[in-house]
Amino acid sequence: MIAERRQEGCARFCYLPTGAITPRRHRCVPDKAHPTVLPHFTSLRYGDPGYGQLRRATDKAIREGADDGGEMGVLHDLFQPQRETNLRLRLDEYLRFGLHAGIFYPT
């Protein structure tokens, strides 16, 4: 990735490959704390239901790396990490003693 105007603006809360020539970075990965993180996608084939969706194998620095704790990238507005956390809290609240619940993802 090469940006033409590097003195203007900044790249925020995103994955930028090492060596990318971009404006200044703000909480982008990889960084010193997470030098080897990579996004892993459910599918890279356009038209598939999981196209562009981050897999659970993706490091938490990307899945929960946005400024509000959401995932970085185009599917940020689905708020999947927040929805999963809320679901886990409610399941524990409403299950009878001794029962356990799990979350199963369709894609």
N, C-alpha and C. Protein backbone atom coordinates (compact mmCIF):
# COMPACT_ATOMS: atom_id res chain seq x y z
N MET A 1 0.85 -1.17 0.00
CA MET A 1 0.00 0.00 0.00
C MET A 1 0.89 1.23 0.00
N ILE A 2 0.62 2.17 -0.88
CA ILE A 2 1.39 3.41 -0.96
C ILE A 2 0.39 4.57 -1.01
N ALA A 3 0.53 5.51 -0.11
CA ALA A 3 -0.31 6.70 -0.08
C ALA A 3 0.43 7.84 -0.78
N GLU A 4 -0.30 8.62 -1.56
CA GLU A 4 0.32 9.74 -2.26
C GLU A 4 0.53 10.93 -1.34
N ARG A 5 -0.41 11.24 -0.50
CA ARG A 5 -0.32 12.40 0.40
C ARG A 5 -0.11 11.91 1.82
N ARG A 6 1.14 11.76 2.21
CA ARG A 6 1.43 11.19 3.52
C ARG A 6 1.47 12.22 4.63
N GLN A 7 1.47 13.51 4.31
CA GLN A 7 1.50 14.53 5.36
C GLN A 7 0.09 14.88 5.85
N GLU A 8 -0.92 14.42 5.14
CA GLU A 8 -2.29 14.76 5.51
C GLU A 8 -2.99 13.54 6.11
N GLY A 9 -3.74 13.77 7.18
CA GLY A 9 -4.55 12.72 7.77
C GLY A 9 -3.75 11.66 8.51
N CYS A 10 -4.43 10.58 8.84
CA CYS A 10 -3.78 9.45 9.50
C CYS A 10 -4.60 8.20 9.27
N ALA A 11 -3.95 7.07 9.42
CA ALA A 11 -4.63 5.77 9.36
C ALA A 11 -4.95 5.37 10.79
N ARG A 12 -6.22 5.07 11.07
CA ARG A 12 -6.64 4.77 12.43
C ARG A 12 -7.26 3.40 12.54
N PHE A 13 -6.89 2.67 13.59
CA PHE A 13 -7.53 1.41 13.97
C PHE A 13 -7.68 0.46 12.77
N CYS A 14 -6.58 0.11 12.14
CA CYS A 14 -6.65 -0.77 10.98
C CYS A 14 -5.41 -1.66 10.92
N TYR A 15 -5.48 -2.64 10.03
CA TYR A 15 -4.33 -3.50 9.76
C TYR A 15 -3.60 -2.92 8.56
N LEU A 16 -2.32 -2.66 8.72
CA LEU A 16 -1.47 -2.20 7.64
C LEU A 16 -0.27 -3.12 7.57
N PRO A 17 -0.01 -3.74 6.43
CA PRO A 17 1.12 -4.65 6.36
C PRO A 17 2.43 -3.93 6.63
N THR A 18 3.40 -4.66 7.14
CA THR A 18 4.70 -4.10 7.43
C THR A 18 5.31 -3.56 6.13
N GLY A 19 5.86 -2.37 6.19
CA GLY A 19 6.47 -1.76 5.02
C GLY A 19 5.53 -0.89 4.22
N ALA A 20 4.25 -0.80 4.61
CA ALA A 20 3.30 0.04 3.88
C ALA A 20 3.67 1.51 4.06
N ILE A 21 3.62 2.26 3.00
CA ILE A 21 3.95 3.68 3.04
C ILE A 21 2.63 4.43 3.16
N THR A 22 2.35 4.90 4.35
CA THR A 22 1.05 5.51 4.66
C THR A 22 1.26 6.76 5.50
N PRO A 23 0.19 7.53 5.70
CA PRO A 23 0.29 8.63 6.66
C PRO A 23 0.57 8.08 8.06
N ARG A 24 0.69 8.94 9.04
CA ARG A 24 0.98 8.47 10.40
C ARG A 24 -0.10 7.49 10.85
N ARG A 25 0.29 6.61 11.71
CA ARG A 25 -0.60 5.55 12.19
C ARG A 25 -1.09 5.86 13.59
N HIS A 26 -2.32 5.48 13.86
CA HIS A 26 -2.88 5.61 15.21
C HIS A 26 -3.54 4.28 15.57
N ARG A 27 -2.90 3.54 16.47
CA ARG A 27 -3.37 2.25 16.96
C ARG A 27 -3.67 1.27 15.83
N CYS A 28 -2.77 1.18 14.88
CA CYS A 28 -2.86 0.20 13.80
C CYS A 28 -2.01 -1.01 14.17
N VAL A 29 -2.32 -2.16 13.60
CA VAL A 29 -1.52 -3.36 13.81
C VAL A 29 -0.93 -3.77 12.47
N PRO A 30 0.19 -4.44 12.41
CA PRO A 30 1.03 -4.85 13.52
C PRO A 30 1.76 -3.67 14.15
N ASP A 31 2.03 -3.79 15.46
CA ASP A 31 2.77 -2.78 16.20
C ASP A 31 3.75 -3.48 17.12
N LYS A 32 4.36 -2.74 18.02
CA LYS A 32 5.36 -3.34 18.91
C LYS A 32 4.76 -4.38 19.84
N ALA A 33 3.54 -4.15 20.29
CA ALA A 33 2.89 -5.11 21.19
C ALA A 33 2.39 -6.36 20.46
N HIS A 34 2.06 -6.23 19.18
CA HIS A 34 1.53 -7.35 18.38
C HIS A 34 2.25 -7.38 17.03
N PRO A 35 3.50 -7.84 17.02
CA PRO A 35 4.30 -7.75 15.78
C PRO A 35 3.93 -8.76 14.69
N THR A 36 3.22 -9.82 15.02
CA THR A 36 2.98 -10.87 14.02
C THR A 36 1.51 -11.13 13.74
N VAL A 37 0.63 -10.22 14.10
CA VAL A 37 -0.80 -10.46 13.88
C VAL A 37 -1.15 -10.37 12.40
N LEU A 38 -2.07 -11.22 11.99
CA LEU A 38 -2.59 -11.23 10.63
C LEU A 38 -4.09 -11.44 10.68
N PRO A 39 -4.84 -10.81 9.78
CA PRO A 39 -6.27 -11.11 9.73
C PRO A 39 -6.50 -12.45 9.04
N HIS A 40 -7.40 -13.25 9.57
CA HIS A 40 -7.80 -14.52 8.97
C HIS A 40 -9.29 -14.41 8.66
N PHE A 41 -9.66 -14.73 7.43
CA PHE A 41 -11.03 -14.54 7.00
C PHE A 41 -11.74 -15.89 6.81
N THR A 42 -13.05 -15.88 7.03
CA THR A 42 -13.86 -17.07 6.82
C THR A 42 -13.83 -17.45 5.34
N SER A 43 -13.95 -16.45 4.47
CA SER A 43 -13.91 -16.70 3.03
C SER A 43 -13.34 -15.48 2.32
N LEU A 44 -12.60 -15.73 1.26
CA LEU A 44 -12.10 -14.65 0.41
C LEU A 44 -12.78 -14.67 -0.95
N ARG A 45 -13.77 -15.52 -1.11
CA ARG A 45 -14.49 -15.62 -2.38
C ARG A 45 -15.74 -14.74 -2.33
N TYR A 46 -15.79 -13.78 -3.23
CA TYR A 46 -16.93 -12.87 -3.30
C TYR A 46 -18.21 -13.67 -3.53
N GLY A 47 -19.25 -13.36 -2.77
CA GLY A 47 -20.53 -14.05 -2.89
C GLY A 47 -20.75 -15.09 -1.81
N ASP A 48 -19.70 -15.58 -1.19
CA ASP A 48 -19.86 -16.52 -0.08
C ASP A 48 -20.45 -15.79 1.13
N PRO A 49 -21.25 -16.49 1.95
CA PRO A 49 -21.83 -15.83 3.13
C PRO A 49 -20.79 -15.27 4.10
N GLY A 50 -19.62 -15.90 4.18
CA GLY A 50 -18.60 -15.44 5.12
C GLY A 50 -17.55 -14.56 4.48
N TYR A 51 -17.84 -13.97 3.31
CA TYR A 51 -16.86 -13.15 2.61
C TYR A 51 -16.47 -11.93 3.45
N GLY A 52 -15.20 -11.79 3.73
CA GLY A 52 -14.68 -10.64 4.48
C GLY A 52 -14.90 -10.72 5.98
N GLN A 53 -15.51 -11.80 6.46
CA GLN A 53 -15.78 -11.95 7.90
C GLN A 53 -14.53 -12.49 8.58
N LEU A 54 -14.15 -11.89 9.69
CA LEU A 54 -12.99 -12.36 10.43
C LEU A 54 -13.29 -13.68 11.13
N ARG A 55 -12.37 -14.62 11.02
CA ARG A 55 -12.51 -15.90 11.72
C ARG A 55 -12.17 -15.72 13.19
N ARG A 56 -12.61 -16.66 14.00
CA ARG A 56 -12.32 -16.60 15.44
C ARG A 56 -10.84 -16.82 15.70
N ALA A 57 -10.10 -17.37 14.75
CA ALA A 57 -8.67 -17.60 14.91
C ALA A 57 -7.87 -16.30 14.80
N THR A 58 -8.50 -15.23 14.34
CA THR A 58 -7.83 -13.94 14.23
C THR A 58 -7.52 -13.41 15.62
N ASP A 59 -6.35 -12.82 15.76
CA ASP A 59 -5.90 -12.29 17.04
C ASP A 59 -6.89 -11.25 17.57
N LYS A 60 -7.02 -11.20 18.89
CA LYS A 60 -7.93 -10.27 19.55
C LYS A 60 -7.58 -8.82 19.25
N ALA A 61 -6.32 -8.54 18.93
CA ALA A 61 -5.90 -7.19 18.60
C ALA A 61 -6.62 -6.67 17.37
N ILE A 62 -7.04 -7.56 16.48
CA ILE A 62 -7.80 -7.16 15.29
C ILE A 62 -9.29 -7.31 15.54
N ARG A 63 -9.71 -8.42 16.15
CA ARG A 63 -11.14 -8.65 16.39
C ARG A 63 -11.74 -7.64 17.35
N GLU A 64 -10.94 -7.11 18.27
CA GLU A 64 -11.46 -6.14 19.24
C GLU A 64 -10.59 -4.90 19.27
N GLY A 65 -9.98 -4.54 18.14
CA GLY A 65 -9.01 -3.46 18.11
C GLY A 65 -9.51 -2.09 17.74
N ALA A 66 -10.79 -1.94 17.46
CA ALA A 66 -11.32 -0.63 17.11
C ALA A 66 -11.43 0.24 18.37
N ASP A 67 -11.71 1.51 18.18
CA ASP A 67 -11.75 2.42 19.31
C ASP A 67 -12.86 2.11 20.31
N ASP A 68 -13.93 1.45 19.86
CA ASP A 68 -15.02 1.10 20.77
C ASP A 68 -15.03 -0.38 21.16
N GLY A 69 -13.95 -1.10 20.87
CA GLY A 69 -13.87 -2.51 21.22
C GLY A 69 -14.42 -3.44 20.17
N GLY A 70 -14.85 -2.90 19.05
CA GLY A 70 -15.36 -3.71 17.95
C GLY A 70 -14.21 -4.20 17.07
N GLU A 71 -14.57 -4.92 16.01
CA GLU A 71 -13.53 -5.42 15.13
C GLU A 71 -13.11 -4.35 14.13
N MET A 72 -11.87 -4.44 13.70
CA MET A 72 -11.36 -3.53 12.69
C MET A 72 -11.92 -3.99 11.34
N GLY A 73 -12.20 -3.06 10.48
CA GLY A 73 -12.59 -3.41 9.13
C GLY A 73 -14.03 -3.11 8.79
N VAL A 74 -14.42 -3.63 7.64
CA VAL A 74 -15.70 -3.30 7.05
C VAL A 74 -16.89 -3.81 7.86
N LEU A 75 -16.74 -4.89 8.59
CA LEU A 75 -17.85 -5.45 9.36
C LEU A 75 -17.89 -4.93 10.80
N HIS A 76 -17.23 -3.82 11.04
CA HIS A 76 -17.21 -3.23 12.39
C HIS A 76 -18.60 -2.94 12.91
N ASP A 77 -19.47 -2.43 12.03
CA ASP A 77 -20.80 -1.98 12.48
C ASP A 77 -21.74 -3.12 12.86
N LEU A 78 -21.30 -4.37 12.71
CA LEU A 78 -22.10 -5.48 13.23
C LEU A 78 -21.91 -5.66 14.73
N PHE A 79 -20.85 -5.08 15.28
CA PHE A 79 -20.55 -5.12 16.72
C PHE A 79 -20.54 -6.55 17.26
N GLN A 80 -19.92 -7.45 16.53
CA GLN A 80 -19.93 -8.86 16.94
C GLN A 80 -19.26 -9.12 18.28
N PRO A 81 -18.09 -8.54 18.60
CA PRO A 81 -17.51 -8.82 19.93
C PRO A 81 -18.42 -8.35 21.07
N GLN A 82 -19.05 -7.18 20.90
CA GLN A 82 -19.95 -6.68 21.93
C GLN A 82 -21.20 -7.55 22.05
N ARG A 83 -21.73 -7.99 20.92
CA ARG A 83 -22.92 -8.84 20.94
C ARG A 83 -22.62 -10.18 21.61
N GLU A 84 -21.44 -10.73 21.31
CA GLU A 84 -21.07 -12.01 21.92
C GLU A 84 -20.91 -11.87 23.44
N THR A 85 -20.28 -10.79 23.88
CA THR A 85 -20.12 -10.55 25.31
C THR A 85 -21.47 -10.40 26.00
N ASN A 86 -22.37 -9.63 25.39
CA ASN A 86 -23.71 -9.46 25.97
C ASN A 86 -24.47 -10.77 26.03
N LEU A 87 -24.36 -11.59 24.99
CA LEU A 87 -25.04 -12.88 24.97
C LEU A 87 -24.51 -13.79 26.07
N ARG A 88 -23.20 -13.84 26.22
CA ARG A 88 -22.61 -14.69 27.27
C ARG A 88 -23.08 -14.26 28.66
N LEU A 89 -23.14 -12.95 28.90
CA LEU A 89 -23.62 -12.46 30.20
C LEU A 89 -25.07 -12.87 30.44
N ARG A 90 -25.92 -12.71 29.44
CA ARG A 90 -27.34 -13.04 29.61
C ARG A 90 -27.55 -14.54 29.75
N LEU A 91 -26.80 -15.34 29.01
CA LEU A 91 -26.95 -16.79 29.14
C LEU A 91 -26.62 -17.26 30.55
N ASP A 92 -25.54 -16.74 31.12
CA ASP A 92 -25.18 -17.12 32.48
C ASP A 92 -26.24 -16.68 33.48
N GLU A 93 -26.88 -15.55 33.19
CA GLU A 93 -27.89 -15.02 34.08
C GLU A 93 -29.14 -15.90 34.11
N TYR A 94 -29.54 -16.44 32.97
CA TYR A 94 -30.83 -17.11 32.86
C TYR A 94 -30.78 -18.63 32.84
N LEU A 95 -29.60 -19.22 32.80
CA LEU A 95 -29.52 -20.68 32.83
C LEU A 95 -29.71 -21.21 34.25
N ARG A 96 -30.36 -22.36 34.34
CA ARG A 96 -30.50 -22.98 35.64
C ARG A 96 -29.14 -23.48 36.11
N PHE A 97 -29.01 -23.67 37.40
CA PHE A 97 -27.76 -24.13 38.00
C PHE A 97 -27.34 -25.47 37.39
N GLY A 98 -26.07 -25.57 37.01
CA GLY A 98 -25.54 -26.81 36.47
C GLY A 98 -25.61 -26.93 34.96
N LEU A 99 -26.34 -26.02 34.30
CA LEU A 99 -26.43 -26.05 32.84
C LEU A 99 -25.37 -25.14 32.22
N HIS A 100 -24.91 -25.50 31.05
CA HIS A 100 -23.91 -24.71 30.33
C HIS A 100 -24.41 -24.47 28.92
N ALA A 101 -24.13 -23.30 28.39
CA ALA A 101 -24.55 -22.96 27.03
C ALA A 101 -23.31 -22.62 26.21
N GLY A 102 -23.41 -22.81 24.92
CA GLY A 102 -22.32 -22.47 24.00
C GLY A 102 -22.84 -21.67 22.84
N ILE A 103 -21.94 -21.01 22.17
CA ILE A 103 -22.29 -20.23 20.99
C ILE A 103 -21.72 -20.94 19.78
N PHE A 104 -22.56 -21.20 18.80
CA PHE A 104 -22.14 -21.88 17.57
C PHE A 104 -22.35 -20.93 16.40
N TYR A 105 -21.32 -20.76 15.60
CA TYR A 105 -21.36 -19.82 14.49
C TYR A 105 -21.69 -20.56 13.19
N PRO A 106 -22.64 -20.06 12.40
CA PRO A 106 -23.04 -20.76 11.18
C PRO A 106 -22.03 -20.66 10.04
N THR A 107 -21.21 -19.59 10.02
CA THR A 107 -20.24 -19.45 8.92
C THR A 107 -18.83 -19.44 9.46
